[in-house]
Amino acid sequence: MQAALLPERGVVKVAGDDSRHFLNGLATNDIGKVGPSAPRFAALLTPQGKIIVDFIATEAPAEDGGGFFLDCPRALAAALVEKLKFYKLRAKVTIEDLSDVLGVMAVWGGTSDAPANSDYGLGFIDPRLAALGQRIILPPQQAGEAAADLGAALVAAEAYDAHRIALGVPRGGNDFSYGDTFPHEADMDQLAGVDFDKGCYIGQEVVSRVEHRNGARNRVVPIEFDVAPLAGLPVTAGDKPVGTMGSAHDGRGLALLRLDRVADALANATPLMAGNVVIRPVKPDWATFPWPGDTKAAS
């Protein structure tokens, strides 16, 4: 089993009598279902339905003081706090950026489906995909002791990134741009990041429209290659732009691609190119959207 402290992750705390109702009115997922060891992956959207910031929400047990903790990109933690305070109005909530005192550690490669039981922090199974492993919100200086407590080897954050890439799970800022990407394009609908049955939230109308028209035209998809292309390179099929290259590691990567053009390229045996490198889409086990080249969507 391996563990890695993720320096790119921050932590925002939302507490108070109205905190659950407040967050539920803003987030793409049902915060009403969040509890200790019952996290939810969600995002805050613009009114146009694009992702401002995505996060994993979990709740501390009442005996530990309660409150919701948002595991979010550290670079966007201050912006998340500012946006939440903008919507606060008269809600009885407190909103704090705790990124200077709390961090996030990922733990993966074990056989247990139970949340990480550590005396060092708040543990939970990653709600996006169980294969990603577990996460613990804790003081960063205690990462080594917490890993040892769990019987895990503490490794560099790059090892976790390789694990994520191998599973085909996008990371904002690397595989899609915040402020310019719809949840479906970032595969949030596939990775349990959107509840289509919950009440209203900002941007919901756009997200629902994409869902009911049978999904997005563009998506982040896993790819494979022989030589790693540089992140940010345009992806082309012949003379047609198809998308943009994202993360890459050890023969696997992710790219934001226009699916209809990928389907046409596959049908015509036209290679997809990121610079001078051929890339090949690889369907992940979790994908249920119509895959380019498939005759029908997975059941």
C-alpha atoms as a PDB file:
ATOM      1  CA  MET A   1       0.000   0.000   0.000  1.00  0.00           C
ATOM      2  CA  GLN A   2       1.226   3.500  -0.860  1.00  0.00           C
ATOM      3  CA  ALA A   3       0.455   6.951   0.509  1.00  0.00           C
ATOM      4  CA  ALA A   4       1.289  10.407  -0.796  1.00  0.00           C
ATOM      5  CA  LEU A   5       0.732  13.895   0.534  1.00  0.00           C
ATOM      6  CA  LEU A   6      -0.818  15.937  -2.285  1.00  0.00           C
ATOM      7  CA  PRO A   7       0.679  19.447  -2.125  1.00  0.00           C
ATOM      8  CA  GLU A   8      -1.667  20.759  -4.815  1.00  0.00           C
ATOM      9  CA  ARG A   9      -4.721  20.146  -2.597  1.00  0.00           C
ATOM     10  CA  GLY A  10      -6.176  22.594  -0.100  1.00  0.00           C
ATOM     11  CA  VAL A  11      -8.934  22.401   2.508  1.00  0.00           C
ATOM     12  CA  VAL A  12     -11.880  24.743   3.054  1.00  0.00           C
ATOM     13  CA  LYS A  13     -14.174  24.326   6.070  1.00  0.00           C
ATOM     14  CA  VAL A  14     -17.845  25.312   6.052  1.00  0.00           C
ATOM     15  CA  ALA A  15     -19.669  25.072   9.389  1.00  0.00           C
ATOM     16  CA  GLY A  16     -22.720  26.454  11.136  1.00  0.00           C
ATOM     17  CA  ASP A  17     -26.438  25.757  11.476  1.00  0.00           C
ATOM     18  CA  ASP A  18     -27.195  26.461   7.812  1.00  0.00           C
ATOM     19  CA  SER A  19     -24.071  24.894   6.292  1.00  0.00           C
ATOM     20  CA  ARG A  20     -25.678  21.791   4.781  1.00  0.00           C
ATOM     21  CA  HIS A  21     -28.571  23.703   3.204  1.00  0.00           C
ATOM     22  CA  PHE A  22     -26.197  26.463   2.067  1.00  0.00           C
ATOM     23  CA  LEU A  23     -23.804  24.101   0.277  1.00  0.00           C
ATOM     24  CA  ASN A  24     -26.608  22.021  -1.189  1.00  0.00           C
ATOM     25  CA  GLY A  25     -28.033  25.085  -2.924  1.00  0.00           C
ATOM     26  CA  LEU A  26     -24.724  25.696  -4.694  1.00  0.00           C
ATOM     27  CA  ALA A  27     -23.097  22.332  -5.430  1.00  0.00           C
ATOM     28  CA  THR A  28     -23.721  19.916  -8.307  1.00  0.00           C
ATOM     29  CA  ASN A  29     -24.132  16.992  -5.903  1.00  0.00           C
ATOM     30  CA  ASP A  30     -26.510  16.329  -3.005  1.00  0.00           C
ATOM     31  CA  ILE A  31     -24.731  17.626   0.087  1.00  0.00           C
ATOM     32  CA  GLY A  32     -27.720  16.405   2.076  1.00  0.00           C
ATOM     33  CA  LYS A  33     -26.270  12.910   1.665  1.00  0.00           C
ATOM     34  CA  VAL A  34     -22.794  13.843   2.905  1.00  0.00           C
ATOM     35  CA  GLY A  35     -21.814  12.473   6.295  1.00  0.00           C
ATOM     36  CA  PRO A  36     -18.770  11.088   8.117  1.00  0.00           C
ATOM     37  CA  SER A  37     -17.337   8.405   5.793  1.00  0.00           C
ATOM     38  CA  ALA A  38     -19.981   9.378   3.168  1.00  0.00           C
ATOM     39  CA  PRO A  39     -18.283  11.984   0.952  1.00  0.00           C
ATOM     40  CA  ARG A  40     -19.525  13.457  -2.326  1.00  0.00           C
ATOM     41  CA  PHE A  41     -17.612  14.739  -5.345  1.00  0.00           C
ATOM     42  CA  ALA A  42     -19.112  18.047  -6.520  1.00  0.00           C
ATOM     43  CA  ALA A  43     -18.425  21.403  -8.146  1.00  0.00           C
ATOM     44  CA  LEU A  44     -19.433  25.018  -7.937  1.00  0.00           C
ATOM     45  CA  LEU A  45     -20.465  26.306 -11.377  1.00  0.00           C
ATOM     46  CA  THR A  46     -20.927  29.613 -13.135  1.00  0.00           C
ATOM     47  CA  PRO A  47     -24.500  30.526 -14.133  1.00  0.00           C
ATOM     48  CA  GLN A  48     -23.449  29.349 -17.619  1.00  0.00           C
ATOM     49  CA  GLY A  49     -22.774  25.880 -16.188  1.00  0.00           C
ATOM     50  CA  LYS A  50     -18.964  25.884 -16.306  1.00  0.00           C
ATOM     51  CA  ILE A  51     -16.763  24.608 -13.475  1.00  0.00           C
ATOM     52  CA  ILE A  52     -15.386  27.296 -11.158  1.00  0.00           C
ATOM     53  CA  VAL A  53     -13.878  24.732  -8.786  1.00  0.00           C
ATOM     54  CA  ASP A  54     -14.445  21.051  -8.062  1.00  0.00           C
ATOM     55  CA  PHE A  55     -14.039  19.461  -4.648  1.00  0.00           C
ATOM     56  CA  ILE A  56     -14.706  16.426  -2.482  1.00  0.00           C
ATOM     57  CA  ALA A  57     -16.987  17.239   0.444  1.00  0.00           C
ATOM     58  CA  THR A  58     -16.936  15.241   3.651  1.00  0.00           C
ATOM     59  CA  GLU A  59     -18.277  15.857   7.156  1.00  0.00           C
ATOM     60  CA  ALA A  60     -16.470  15.573  10.465  1.00  0.00           C
ATOM     61  CA  PRO A  61     -18.228  13.535  13.181  1.00  0.00           C
ATOM     62  CA  ALA A  62     -20.126  15.595  15.750  1.00  0.00           C
ATOM     63  CA  GLU A  63     -17.770  14.420  18.504  1.00  0.00           C
ATOM     64  CA  ASP A  64     -14.902  15.972  16.524  1.00  0.00           C
ATOM     65  CA  GLY A  65     -16.657  19.299  16.127  1.00  0.00           C
ATOM     66  CA  GLY A  66     -18.641  18.607  12.956  1.00  0.00           C
ATOM     67  CA  GLY A  67     -18.547  20.863   9.910  1.00  0.00           C
ATOM     68  CA  PHE A  68     -17.988  20.181   6.224  1.00  0.00           C
ATOM     69  CA  PHE A  69     -14.467  19.925   4.838  1.00  0.00           C
ATOM     70  CA  LEU A  70     -13.918  20.581   1.136  1.00  0.00           C
ATOM     71  CA  ASP A  71     -10.867  18.862  -0.376  1.00  0.00           C
ATOM     72  CA  CYS A  72     -10.167  21.254  -3.277  1.00  0.00           C
ATOM     73  CA  PRO A  73      -7.317  22.513  -5.494  1.00  0.00           C
ATOM     74  CA  ARG A  74      -5.091  24.594  -3.231  1.00  0.00           C
ATOM     75  CA  ALA A  75      -4.600  27.203  -5.945  1.00  0.00           C
ATOM     76  CA  LEU A  76      -8.369  27.786  -5.951  1.00  0.00           C
ATOM     77  CA  ALA A  77      -9.064  27.553  -2.206  1.00  0.00           C
ATOM     78  CA  ALA A  78      -9.063  31.324  -1.684  1.00  0.00           C
ATOM     79  CA  ALA A  79     -11.303  31.825  -4.720  1.00  0.00           C
ATOM     80  CA  LEU A  80     -13.683  29.158  -3.396  1.00  0.00           C
ATOM     81  CA  VAL A  81     -13.883  30.916  -0.035  1.00  0.00           C
ATOM     82  CA  GLU A  82     -14.532  34.252  -1.753  1.00  0.00           C
ATOM     83  CA  LYS A  83     -17.282  32.775  -3.940  1.00  0.00           C
ATOM     84  CA  LEU A  84     -18.950  31.014  -1.007  1.00  0.00           C
ATOM     85  CA  LYS A  85     -18.893  34.227   1.018  1.00  0.00           C
ATOM     86  CA  PHE A  86     -20.460  36.045  -1.943  1.00  0.00           C
ATOM     87  CA  TYR A  87     -23.425  33.650  -1.777  1.00  0.00           C
ATOM     88  CA  LYS A  88     -23.572  33.557   2.020  1.00  0.00           C
ATOM     89  CA  LEU A  89     -25.978  36.508   2.477  1.00  0.00           C
ATOM     90  CA  ARG A  90     -27.663  35.908   5.862  1.00  0.00           C
ATOM     91  CA  ALA A  91     -26.952  32.185   6.114  1.00  0.00           C
ATOM     92  CA  LYS A  92     -25.622  31.062   9.476  1.00  0.00           C
ATOM     93  CA  VAL A  93     -22.322  29.669   8.225  1.00  0.00           C
ATOM     94  CA  THR A  94     -18.617  30.215   8.768  1.00  0.00           C
ATOM     95  CA  ILE A  95     -16.208  29.709   5.871  1.00  0.00           C
ATOM     96  CA  GLU A  96     -12.475  29.220   6.401  1.00  0.00           C
ATOM     97  CA  ASP A  97      -9.494  28.419   4.208  1.00  0.00           C
ATOM     98  CA  LEU A  98      -7.507  25.931   6.308  1.00  0.00           C
ATOM     99  CA  SER A  99      -4.957  25.091   3.614  1.00  0.00           C
ATOM    100  CA  ASP A 100      -2.074  26.454   5.695  1.00  0.00           C
ATOM    101  CA  VAL A 101      -2.760  23.994   8.509  1.00  0.00           C
ATOM    102  CA  LEU A 102      -4.481  21.023   6.799  1.00  0.00           C
ATOM    103  CA  GLY A 103      -3.562  18.991   3.740  1.00  0.00           C
ATOM    104  CA  VAL A 104      -4.765  15.908   1.886  1.00  0.00           C
ATOM    105  CA  MET A 105      -3.046  12.520   1.759  1.00  0.00           C
ATOM    106  CA  ALA A 106      -4.036   9.822  -0.722  1.00  0.00           C
ATOM    107  CA  VAL A 107      -3.711   6.133   0.216  1.00  0.00           C
ATOM    108  CA  TRP A 108      -4.044   3.416  -2.420  1.00  0.00           C
ATOM    109  CA  GLY A 109      -3.107  -0.141  -3.262  1.00  0.00           C
ATOM    110  CA  GLY A 110      -4.704  -1.785  -0.241  1.00  0.00           C
ATOM    111  CA  THR A 111      -7.435  -4.408  -0.209  1.00  0.00           C
ATOM    112  CA  SER A 112      -9.886  -2.750   2.196  1.00  0.00           C
ATOM    113  CA  ASP A 113     -13.025  -0.948   1.029  1.00  0.00           C
ATOM    114  CA  ALA A 114     -13.411   0.687   4.452  1.00  0.00           C
ATOM    115  CA  PRO A 115     -12.352   4.293   5.048  1.00  0.00           C
ATOM    116  CA  ALA A 116      -8.838   4.808   6.327  1.00  0.00           C
ATOM    117  CA  ASN A 117      -8.882   4.403  10.084  1.00  0.00           C
ATOM    118  CA  SER A 118      -6.241   6.797  11.319  1.00  0.00           C
ATOM    119  CA  ASP A 119      -5.951   8.768  14.516  1.00  0.00           C
ATOM    120  CA  TYR A 120      -4.278  11.515  12.527  1.00  0.00           C
ATOM    121  CA  GLY A 121      -7.132  12.863  10.405  1.00  0.00           C
ATOM    122  CA  LEU A 122     -10.474  12.588   8.633  1.00  0.00           C
ATOM    123  CA  GLY A 123     -10.458   9.562   6.303  1.00  0.00           C
ATOM    124  CA  PHE A 124     -12.814   8.529   3.501  1.00  0.00           C
ATOM    125  CA  ILE A 125     -12.996   6.481   0.288  1.00  0.00           C
ATOM    126  CA  ASP A 126     -12.575   8.617  -2.845  1.00  0.00           C
ATOM    127  CA  PRO A 127     -16.177   9.021  -4.094  1.00  0.00           C
ATOM    128  CA  ARG A 128     -15.146   9.450  -7.727  1.00  0.00           C
ATOM    129  CA  LEU A 129     -13.812   5.927  -8.170  1.00  0.00           C
ATOM    130  CA  ALA A 130     -13.098   3.351  -5.469  1.00  0.00           C
ATOM    131  CA  ALA A 131      -9.946   2.246  -7.297  1.00  0.00           C
ATOM    132  CA  LEU A 132      -8.429   5.678  -6.597  1.00  0.00           C
ATOM    133  CA  GLY A 133      -8.192   4.595  -2.961  1.00  0.00           C
ATOM    134  CA  GLN A 134      -8.690   6.613   0.191  1.00  0.00           C
ATOM    135  CA  ARG A 135      -8.014  10.173   1.269  1.00  0.00           C
ATOM    136  CA  ILE A 136      -7.184  11.642   4.672  1.00  0.00           C
ATOM    137  CA  ILE A 137      -7.472  15.314   5.615  1.00  0.00           C
ATOM    138  CA  LEU A 138      -4.738  15.929   8.202  1.00  0.00           C
ATOM    139  CA  PRO A 139      -1.960  18.292   9.279  1.00  0.00           C
ATOM    140  CA  PRO A 140       0.739  17.842   6.586  1.00  0.00           C
ATOM    141  CA  GLN A 141       3.531  17.359   9.118  1.00  0.00           C
ATOM    142  CA  GLN A 142       1.781  14.213  10.342  1.00  0.00           C
ATOM    143  CA  ALA A 143       1.676  12.512   6.927  1.00  0.00           C
ATOM    144  CA  GLY A 144       4.641  10.252   7.638  1.00  0.00           C
ATOM    145  CA  GLU A 145       3.252   9.052  10.981  1.00  0.00           C
ATOM    146  CA  ALA A 146      -0.222   8.548   9.488  1.00  0.00           C
ATOM    147  CA  ALA A 147       1.169   6.501   6.590  1.00  0.00           C
ATOM    148  CA  ALA A 148       3.145   4.312   8.990  1.00  0.00           C
ATOM    149  CA  ASP A 149       0.042   3.909  11.156  1.00  0.00           C
ATOM    150  CA  LEU A 150      -1.791   2.546   8.112  1.00  0.00           C
ATOM    151  CA  GLY A 151       1.079   0.298   7.028  1.00  0.00           C
ATOM    152  CA  ALA A 152       1.624   2.328   3.845  1.00  0.00           C
ATOM    153  CA  ALA A 153       4.885   3.462   2.248  1.00  0.00           C
ATOM    154  CA  LEU A 154       5.017   7.262   1.950  1.00  0.00           C
ATOM    155  CA  VAL A 155       5.928   8.115  -1.655  1.00  0.00           C
ATOM    156  CA  ALA A 156       6.109  11.241  -3.807  1.00  0.00           C
ATOM    157  CA  ALA A 157       2.935  12.896  -5.080  1.00  0.00           C
ATOM    158  CA  GLU A 158       3.970  11.998  -8.638  1.00  0.00           C
ATOM    159  CA  ALA A 159       3.276   8.327  -7.843  1.00  0.00           C
ATOM    160  CA  TYR A 160      -0.346   9.157  -7.030  1.00  0.00           C
ATOM    161  CA  ASP A 161      -0.635  11.230 -10.200  1.00  0.00           C
ATOM    162  CA  ALA A 162       0.546   8.210 -12.202  1.00  0.00           C
ATOM    163  CA  HIS A 163      -2.090   6.090 -10.443  1.00  0.00           C
ATOM    164  CA  ARG A 164      -4.800   8.640 -11.303  1.00  0.00           C
ATOM    165  CA  ILE A 165      -3.703   8.855 -14.934  1.00  0.00           C
ATOM    166  CA  ALA A 166      -3.663   5.061 -15.296  1.00  0.00           C
ATOM    167  CA  LEU A 167      -7.304   5.015 -14.145  1.00  0.00           C
ATOM    168  CA  GLY A 168      -8.230   7.782 -16.602  1.00  0.00           C
ATOM    169  CA  VAL A 169      -9.472  10.256 -13.983  1.00  0.00           C
ATOM    170  CA  PRO A 170      -9.127  13.948 -14.993  1.00  0.00           C
ATOM    171  CA  ARG A 171      -7.501  16.590 -12.824  1.00  0.00           C
ATOM    172  CA  GLY A 172      -8.557  20.206 -13.175  1.00  0.00           C
ATOM    173  CA  GLY A 173      -5.825  22.533 -14.367  1.00  0.00           C
ATOM    174  CA  ASN A 174      -4.010  19.627 -16.037  1.00  0.00           C
ATOM    175  CA  ASP A 175      -6.689  17.956 -18.141  1.00  0.00           C
ATOM    176  CA  PHE A 176      -9.312  20.691 -18.361  1.00  0.00           C
ATOM    177  CA  SER A 177      -9.451  24.420 -17.667  1.00  0.00           C
ATOM    178  CA  TYR A 178     -11.430  25.866 -14.785  1.00  0.00           C
ATOM    179  CA  GLY A 179     -13.921  28.492 -15.904  1.00  0.00           C
ATOM    180  CA  ASP A 180     -14.124  27.049 -19.414  1.00  0.00           C
ATOM    181  CA  THR A 181     -15.311  23.441 -18.980  1.00  0.00           C
ATOM    182  CA  PHE A 182     -18.747  21.907 -18.422  1.00  0.00           C
ATOM    183  CA  PRO A 183     -19.107  19.059 -15.871  1.00  0.00           C
ATOM    184  CA  HIS A 184     -19.854  16.488 -18.585  1.00  0.00           C
ATOM    185  CA  GLU A 185     -16.686  17.485 -20.457  1.00  0.00           C
ATOM    186  CA  ALA A 186     -14.664  16.802 -17.281  1.00  0.00           C
ATOM    187  CA  ASP A 187     -16.481  13.446 -16.829  1.00  0.00           C
ATOM    188  CA  MET A 188     -18.118  14.550 -13.586  1.00  0.00           C
ATOM    189  CA  ASP A 189     -21.332  12.828 -14.675  1.00  0.00           C
ATOM    190  CA  GLN A 190     -19.360   9.582 -15.002  1.00  0.00           C
ATOM    191  CA  LEU A 191     -17.437   9.965 -11.742  1.00  0.00           C
ATOM    192  CA  ALA A 192     -20.376  10.577  -9.382  1.00  0.00           C
ATOM    193  CA  GLY A 193     -19.962  14.354  -9.399  1.00  0.00           C
ATOM    194  CA  VAL A 194     -23.506  15.341 -10.412  1.00  0.00           C
ATOM    195  CA  ASP A 195     -26.842  14.415  -8.852  1.00  0.00           C
ATOM    196  CA  PHE A 196     -29.486  14.805 -11.549  1.00  0.00           C
ATOM    197  CA  ASP A 197     -32.358  14.315  -9.082  1.00  0.00           C
ATOM    198  CA  LYS A 198     -31.476  16.985  -6.499  1.00  0.00           C
ATOM    199  CA  GLY A 199     -32.950  20.458  -6.229  1.00  0.00           C
ATOM    200  CA  CYS A 200     -31.746  23.588  -7.976  1.00  0.00           C
ATOM    201  CA  TYR A 201     -28.161  24.840  -7.932  1.00  0.00           C
ATOM    202  CA  ILE A 202     -26.299  27.468  -9.923  1.00  0.00           C
ATOM    203  CA  GLY A 203     -25.762  26.262 -13.496  1.00  0.00           C
ATOM    204  CA  GLN A 204     -28.193  23.341 -13.173  1.00  0.00           C
ATOM    205  CA  GLU A 205     -30.255  24.246 -16.229  1.00  0.00           C
ATOM    206  CA  VAL A 206     -27.245  23.989 -18.528  1.00  0.00           C
ATOM    207  CA  VAL A 207     -26.054  20.710 -16.972  1.00  0.00           C
ATOM    208  CA  SER A 208     -29.530  19.185 -17.304  1.00  0.00           C
ATOM    209  CA  ARG A 209     -29.737  20.275 -20.937  1.00  0.00           C
ATOM    210  CA  VAL A 210     -26.443  18.542 -21.747  1.00  0.00           C
ATOM    211  CA  GLU A 211     -27.601  15.386 -19.959  1.00  0.00           C
ATOM    212  CA  HIS A 212     -30.933  15.241 -21.780  1.00  0.00           C
ATOM    213  CA  ARG A 213     -29.408  15.778 -25.201  1.00  0.00           C
ATOM    214  CA  ASN A 214     -27.395  12.578 -24.581  1.00  0.00           C
ATOM    215  CA  GLY A 215     -24.158  13.950 -23.273  1.00  0.00           C
ATOM    216  CA  ALA A 216     -21.292  16.206 -24.276  1.00  0.00           C
ATOM    217  CA  ARG A 217     -19.621  16.645 -27.630  1.00  0.00           C
ATOM    218  CA  ASN A 218     -16.219  17.046 -25.940  1.00  0.00           C
ATOM    219  CA  ARG A 219     -14.810  14.919 -23.105  1.00  0.00           C
ATOM    220  CA  VAL A 220     -11.575  14.181 -21.294  1.00  0.00           C
ATOM    221  CA  VAL A 221     -10.736  10.605 -22.284  1.00  0.00           C
ATOM    222  CA  PRO A 222      -7.862   8.220 -21.486  1.00  0.00           C
ATOM    223  CA  ILE A 223      -5.283   7.652 -24.193  1.00  0.00           C
ATOM    224  CA  GLU A 224      -2.153   5.616 -24.760  1.00  0.00           C
ATOM    225  CA  PHE A 225       1.006   6.411 -26.729  1.00  0.00           C
ATOM    226  CA  ASP A 226       4.538   5.214 -27.365  1.00  0.00           C
ATOM    227  CA  VAL A 227       6.293   8.522 -26.617  1.00  0.00           C
ATOM    228  CA  ALA A 228       4.799  11.035 -24.170  1.00  0.00           C
ATOM    229  CA  PRO A 229       3.442  14.186 -25.873  1.00  0.00           C
ATOM    230  CA  LEU A 230       3.763  17.511 -24.099  1.00  0.00           C
ATOM    231  CA  ALA A 231       0.767  18.736 -22.142  1.00  0.00           C
ATOM    232  CA  GLY A 232      -1.179  21.430 -23.963  1.00  0.00           C
ATOM    233  CA  LEU A 233      -0.316  20.262 -27.462  1.00  0.00           C
ATOM    234  CA  PRO A 234      -3.185  20.433 -29.976  1.00  0.00           C
ATOM    235  CA  VAL A 235      -4.552  17.049 -31.046  1.00  0.00           C
ATOM    236  CA  THR A 236      -5.362  16.708 -34.739  1.00  0.00           C
ATOM    237  CA  ALA A 237      -6.774  14.126 -37.144  1.00  0.00           C
ATOM    238  CA  GLY A 238      -5.428  14.936 -40.565  1.00  0.00           C
ATOM    239  CA  ASP A 239      -6.057  18.670 -40.973  1.00  0.00           C
ATOM    240  CA  LYS A 240      -8.877  18.793 -38.381  1.00  0.00           C
ATOM    241  CA  PRO A 241      -8.414  19.988 -34.797  1.00  0.00           C
ATOM    242  CA  VAL A 242      -9.691  17.326 -32.410  1.00  0.00           C
ATOM    243  CA  GLY A 243      -8.687  18.488 -28.933  1.00  0.00           C
ATOM    244  CA  THR A 244      -5.870  19.163 -26.483  1.00  0.00           C
ATOM    245  CA  MET A 245      -3.344  16.910 -24.764  1.00  0.00           C
ATOM    246  CA  GLY A 246      -3.405  16.775 -20.953  1.00  0.00           C
ATOM    247  CA  SER A 247      -1.607  14.616 -18.359  1.00  0.00           C
ATOM    248  CA  ALA A 248       0.820  11.880 -19.414  1.00  0.00           C
ATOM    249  CA  HIS A 249       2.831   9.202 -17.638  1.00  0.00           C
ATOM    250  CA  ASP A 250       4.394   5.878 -18.633  1.00  0.00           C
ATOM    251  CA  GLY A 251       2.444   5.261 -21.846  1.00  0.00           C
ATOM    252  CA  ARG A 252      -0.910   6.499 -20.535  1.00  0.00           C
ATOM    253  CA  GLY A 253      -2.486   9.922 -20.514  1.00  0.00           C
ATOM    254  CA  LEU A 254      -5.608  12.016 -20.880  1.00  0.00           C
ATOM    255  CA  ALA A 255      -6.791  14.376 -23.574  1.00  0.00           C
ATOM    256  CA  LEU A 256      -9.824  16.612 -24.010  1.00  0.00           C
ATOM    257  CA  LEU A 257     -11.219  15.424 -27.338  1.00  0.00           C
ATOM    258  CA  ARG A 258     -14.167  16.141 -29.598  1.00  0.00           C
ATOM    259  CA  LEU A 259     -15.822  12.725 -29.753  1.00  0.00           C
ATOM    260  CA  ASP A 260     -17.547  12.969 -33.143  1.00  0.00           C
ATOM    261  CA  ARG A 261     -14.280  13.891 -34.852  1.00  0.00           C
ATOM    262  CA  VAL A 262     -12.503  11.055 -33.043  1.00  0.00           C
ATOM    263  CA  ALA A 263     -15.202   8.654 -34.291  1.00  0.00           C
ATOM    264  CA  ASP A 264     -14.714   9.915 -37.861  1.00  0.00           C
ATOM    265  CA  ALA A 265     -10.946   9.506 -37.567  1.00  0.00           C
ATOM    266  CA  LEU A 266     -11.301   5.938 -36.288  1.00  0.00           C
ATOM    267  CA  ALA A 267     -13.758   5.084 -39.067  1.00  0.00           C
ATOM    268  CA  ASN A 268     -11.334   6.405 -41.687  1.00  0.00           C
ATOM    269  CA  ALA A 269      -8.214   4.948 -40.045  1.00  0.00           C
ATOM    270  CA  THR A 270      -6.825   8.484 -39.611  1.00  0.00           C
ATOM    271  CA  PRO A 271      -4.339   8.638 -36.734  1.00  0.00           C
ATOM    272  CA  LEU A 272      -4.817  11.103 -33.908  1.00  0.00           C
ATOM    273  CA  MET A 273      -1.694  13.189 -33.469  1.00  0.00           C
ATOM    274  CA  ALA A 274      -0.451  15.259 -30.519  1.00  0.00           C
ATOM    275  CA  GLY A 275       2.416  17.069 -32.196  1.00  0.00           C
ATOM    276  CA  ASN A 276       4.353  14.273 -33.911  1.00  0.00           C
ATOM    277  CA  VAL A 277       3.089  11.555 -31.548  1.00  0.00           C
ATOM    278  CA  VAL A 278       0.272   9.137 -32.356  1.00  0.00           C
ATOM    279  CA  ILE A 279      -2.234   8.832 -29.509  1.00  0.00           C
ATOM    280  CA  ARG A 280      -4.894   6.132 -29.176  1.00  0.00           C
ATOM    281  CA  PRO A 281      -8.106   6.499 -27.113  1.00  0.00           C
ATOM    282  CA  VAL A 282      -8.604   3.750 -24.516  1.00  0.00           C
ATOM    283  CA  LYS A 283     -12.088   3.166 -23.088  1.00  0.00           C
ATOM    284  CA  PRO A 284     -12.024   3.110 -19.267  1.00  0.00           C
ATOM    285  CA  ASP A 285     -14.077   0.612 -17.289  1.00  0.00           C
ATOM    286  CA  TRP A 286     -16.151   3.412 -15.764  1.00  0.00           C
ATOM    287  CA  ALA A 287     -17.289   4.996 -19.050  1.00  0.00           C
ATOM    288  CA  THR A 288     -21.004   4.661 -19.834  1.00  0.00           C
ATOM    289  CA  PHE A 289     -21.216   7.428 -22.447  1.00  0.00           C
ATOM    290  CA  PRO A 290     -21.235   6.531 -26.176  1.00  0.00           C
ATOM    291  CA  TRP A 291     -17.627   5.723 -26.984  1.00  0.00           C
ATOM    292  CA  PRO A 292     -16.183   6.640 -30.410  1.00  0.00           C
ATOM    293  CA  GLY A 293     -16.291   3.559 -32.590  1.00  0.00           C
ATOM    294  CA  ASP A 294     -18.786   1.664 -30.404  1.00  0.00           C
ATOM    295  CA  THR A 295     -22.146   0.838 -31.929  1.00  0.00           C
ATOM    296  CA  LYS A 296     -23.948   1.704 -28.684  1.00  0.00           C
ATOM    297  CA  ALA A 297     -23.301   3.049 -25.210  1.00  0.00           C
ATOM    298  CA  ALA A 298     -22.273   0.682 -22.464  1.00  0.00           C
ATOM    299  CA  SER A 299     -25.112  -0.533 -20.257  1.00  0.00           C
END
